[in-house]
C-alpha atoms as a PDB file:
ATOM      1  CA  UNK A   1      25.049 -53.130  92.787  1.00  0.00           C
ATOM      2  CA  UNK A   2      21.409 -53.601  91.791  1.00  0.00           C
ATOM      3  CA  UNK A   3      20.831 -56.168  94.536  1.00  0.00           C
ATOM      4  CA  UNK A   4      22.347 -53.767  97.095  1.00  0.00           C
ATOM      5  CA  UNK A   5      20.061 -51.007  95.865  1.00  0.00           C
ATOM      6  CA  UNK A   6      17.018 -53.281  96.100  1.00  0.00           C
ATOM      7  CA  UNK A   7      18.032 -54.129  99.659  1.00  0.00           C
ATOM      8  CA  UNK A   8      18.471 -50.460 100.527  1.00  0.00           C
ATOM      9  CA  UNK A   9      22.237 -50.783 100.916  1.00  0.00           C
ATOM     10  CA  UNK A  10      23.499 -47.553  99.433  1.00  0.00           C
ATOM     11  CA  UNK A  11      27.130 -46.861 100.204  1.00  0.00           C
ATOM     12  CA  UNK A  12      28.938 -43.596  99.722  1.00  0.00           C
ATOM     13  CA  UNK A  13      32.492 -44.942  99.800  1.00  0.00           C
ATOM     14  CA  UNK A  14      33.474 -43.996  96.239  1.00  0.00           C
ATOM     15  CA  UNK A  15      35.777 -40.985  95.890  1.00  0.00           C
ATOM     16  CA  UNK A  16      33.025 -39.075  94.069  1.00  0.00           C
ATOM     17  CA  UNK A  17      30.981 -39.008  97.278  1.00  0.00           C
ATOM     18  CA  UNK A  18      33.819 -37.748  99.505  1.00  0.00           C
ATOM     19  CA  UNK A  19      32.845 -34.082  99.316  1.00  0.00           C
ATOM     20  CA  UNK A  20      29.080 -34.576  99.011  1.00  0.00           C
ATOM     21  CA  UNK A  21      27.175 -33.123 101.944  1.00  0.00           C
ATOM     22  CA  UNK A  22      25.485 -35.323 104.508  1.00  0.00           C
ATOM     23  CA  UNK A  23      22.194 -33.680 103.581  1.00  0.00           C
ATOM     24  CA  UNK A  24      22.575 -34.750  99.924  1.00  0.00           C
ATOM     25  CA  UNK A  25      23.512 -38.296 100.954  1.00  0.00           C
ATOM     26  CA  UNK A  26      20.495 -38.462 103.248  1.00  0.00           C
ATOM     27  CA  UNK A  27      18.294 -37.370 100.348  1.00  0.00           C
ATOM     28  CA  UNK A  28      19.659 -40.136  98.117  1.00  0.00           C
ATOM     29  CA  UNK A  29      19.138 -42.692 100.912  1.00  0.00           C
ATOM     30  CA  UNK A  30      15.522 -41.620 101.379  1.00  0.00           C
ATOM     31  CA  UNK A  31      14.821 -41.644  97.637  1.00  0.00           C
ATOM     32  CA  UNK A  32      16.193 -45.168  97.317  1.00  0.00           C
ATOM     33  CA  UNK A  33      14.495 -46.679 100.362  1.00  0.00           C
ATOM     34  CA  UNK A  34      13.202 -50.111  99.325  1.00  0.00           C
ATOM     35  CA  UNK A  35      10.110 -49.746 101.524  1.00  0.00           C
ATOM     36  CA  UNK A  36       7.680 -47.392  99.734  1.00  0.00           C
ATOM     37  CA  UNK A  37       6.320 -46.253 103.093  1.00  0.00           C
ATOM     38  CA  UNK A  38       9.771 -44.926 104.032  1.00  0.00           C
ATOM     39  CA  UNK A  39      10.627 -43.531 100.594  1.00  0.00           C
ATOM     40  CA  UNK A  40      10.211 -39.805  99.980  1.00  0.00           C
ATOM     41  CA  UNK A  41       7.107 -38.826  98.072  1.00  0.00           C
ATOM     42  CA  UNK A  42       7.213 -36.171  95.348  1.00  0.00           C
ATOM     43  CA  UNK A  43       5.729 -33.494  97.654  1.00  0.00           C
ATOM     44  CA  UNK A  44       8.242 -34.404 100.387  1.00  0.00           C
ATOM     45  CA  UNK A  45      11.062 -34.208  97.868  1.00  0.00           C
ATOM     46  CA  UNK A  46       9.998 -30.735  96.780  1.00  0.00           C
ATOM     47  CA  UNK A  47      10.294 -29.402 100.336  1.00  0.00           C
ATOM     48  CA  UNK A  48      13.478 -31.271 101.273  1.00  0.00           C
ATOM     49  CA  UNK A  49      16.126 -28.822 102.598  1.00  0.00           C
ATOM     50  CA  UNK A  50      18.677 -29.898  99.983  1.00  0.00           C
ATOM     51  CA  UNK A  51      16.222 -29.279  97.126  1.00  0.00           C
ATOM     52  CA  UNK A  52      15.061 -25.887  98.409  1.00  0.00           C
ATOM     53  CA  UNK A  53      18.640 -24.845  99.138  1.00  0.00           C
ATOM     54  CA  UNK A  54      18.564 -24.616 102.924  1.00  0.00           C
ATOM     55  CA  UNK A  55      22.092 -24.886 104.322  1.00  0.00           C
ATOM     56  CA  UNK A  56      23.505 -26.170 101.028  1.00  0.00           C
ATOM     57  CA  UNK A  57      27.078 -25.440  99.892  1.00  0.00           C
ATOM     58  CA  UNK A  58      27.231 -22.759  97.217  1.00  0.00           C
ATOM     59  CA  UNK A  59      30.441 -24.051  95.652  1.00  0.00           C
ATOM     60  CA  UNK A  60      30.041 -26.861  93.100  1.00  0.00           C
ATOM     61  CA  UNK A  61      31.915 -30.092  93.666  1.00  0.00           C
ATOM     62  CA  UNK A  62      35.222 -29.879  91.754  1.00  0.00           C
ATOM     63  CA  UNK A  63      34.754 -33.095  89.765  1.00  0.00           C
ATOM     64  CA  UNK A  64      31.158 -32.220  88.885  1.00  0.00           C
ATOM     65  CA  UNK A  65      32.136 -28.715  87.856  1.00  0.00           C
ATOM     66  CA  UNK A  66      34.906 -30.074  85.628  1.00  0.00           C
ATOM     67  CA  UNK A  67      32.538 -32.581  84.007  1.00  0.00           C
ATOM     68  CA  UNK A  68      29.949 -29.884  83.325  1.00  0.00           C
ATOM     69  CA  UNK A  69      32.617 -27.658  81.767  1.00  0.00           C
ATOM     70  CA  UNK A  70      33.798 -30.538  79.545  1.00  0.00           C
ATOM     71  CA  UNK A  71      30.207 -31.237  78.493  1.00  0.00           C
ATOM     72  CA  UNK A  72      29.698 -27.563  77.660  1.00  0.00           C
ATOM     73  CA  UNK A  73      32.887 -27.556  75.560  1.00  0.00           C
ATOM     74  CA  UNK A  74      31.723 -30.650  73.657  1.00  0.00           C
ATOM     75  CA  UNK A  75      28.290 -29.149  73.047  1.00  0.00           C
ATOM     76  CA  UNK A  76      29.835 -25.931  71.720  1.00  0.00           C
ATOM     77  CA  UNK A  77      32.104 -27.977  69.478  1.00  0.00           C
ATOM     78  CA  UNK A  78      29.173 -29.990  68.154  1.00  0.00           C
ATOM     79  CA  UNK A  79      27.164 -26.817  67.480  1.00  0.00           C
ATOM     80  CA  UNK A  80      30.173 -25.363  65.701  1.00  0.00           C
ATOM     81  CA  UNK A  81      30.267 -28.362  63.337  1.00  0.00           C
ATOM     82  CA  UNK A  82      26.595 -27.988  62.497  1.00  0.00           C
ATOM     83  CA  UNK A  83      26.935 -24.362  61.352  1.00  0.00           C
END
C-alpha cells in the first residue's frame, strides 16, 4: 500500500469508500499527489469546496456515524470508571 501511495496510486475500491462523494475522493487524491507541485498547499486546502462545505452531503456516512457513536460510548464508559 505504501508503494502505491508513493506512486500516487490511490484507489477507492474498498467498501468504506462506496458512499464517499467524488469531491472528497478528489481532495484525498490531491493531498496525496506524489509531485509536490501538484499537491494541495495548506491555503488551497482551506478553500477547497469539500472543506468549506460547498455542495457537501449533510448526512454522515453510516459506517462513520456508527464508529463515532461507538467511540462516544467507550469514552463515556471510561469516564464513568474514573469517577
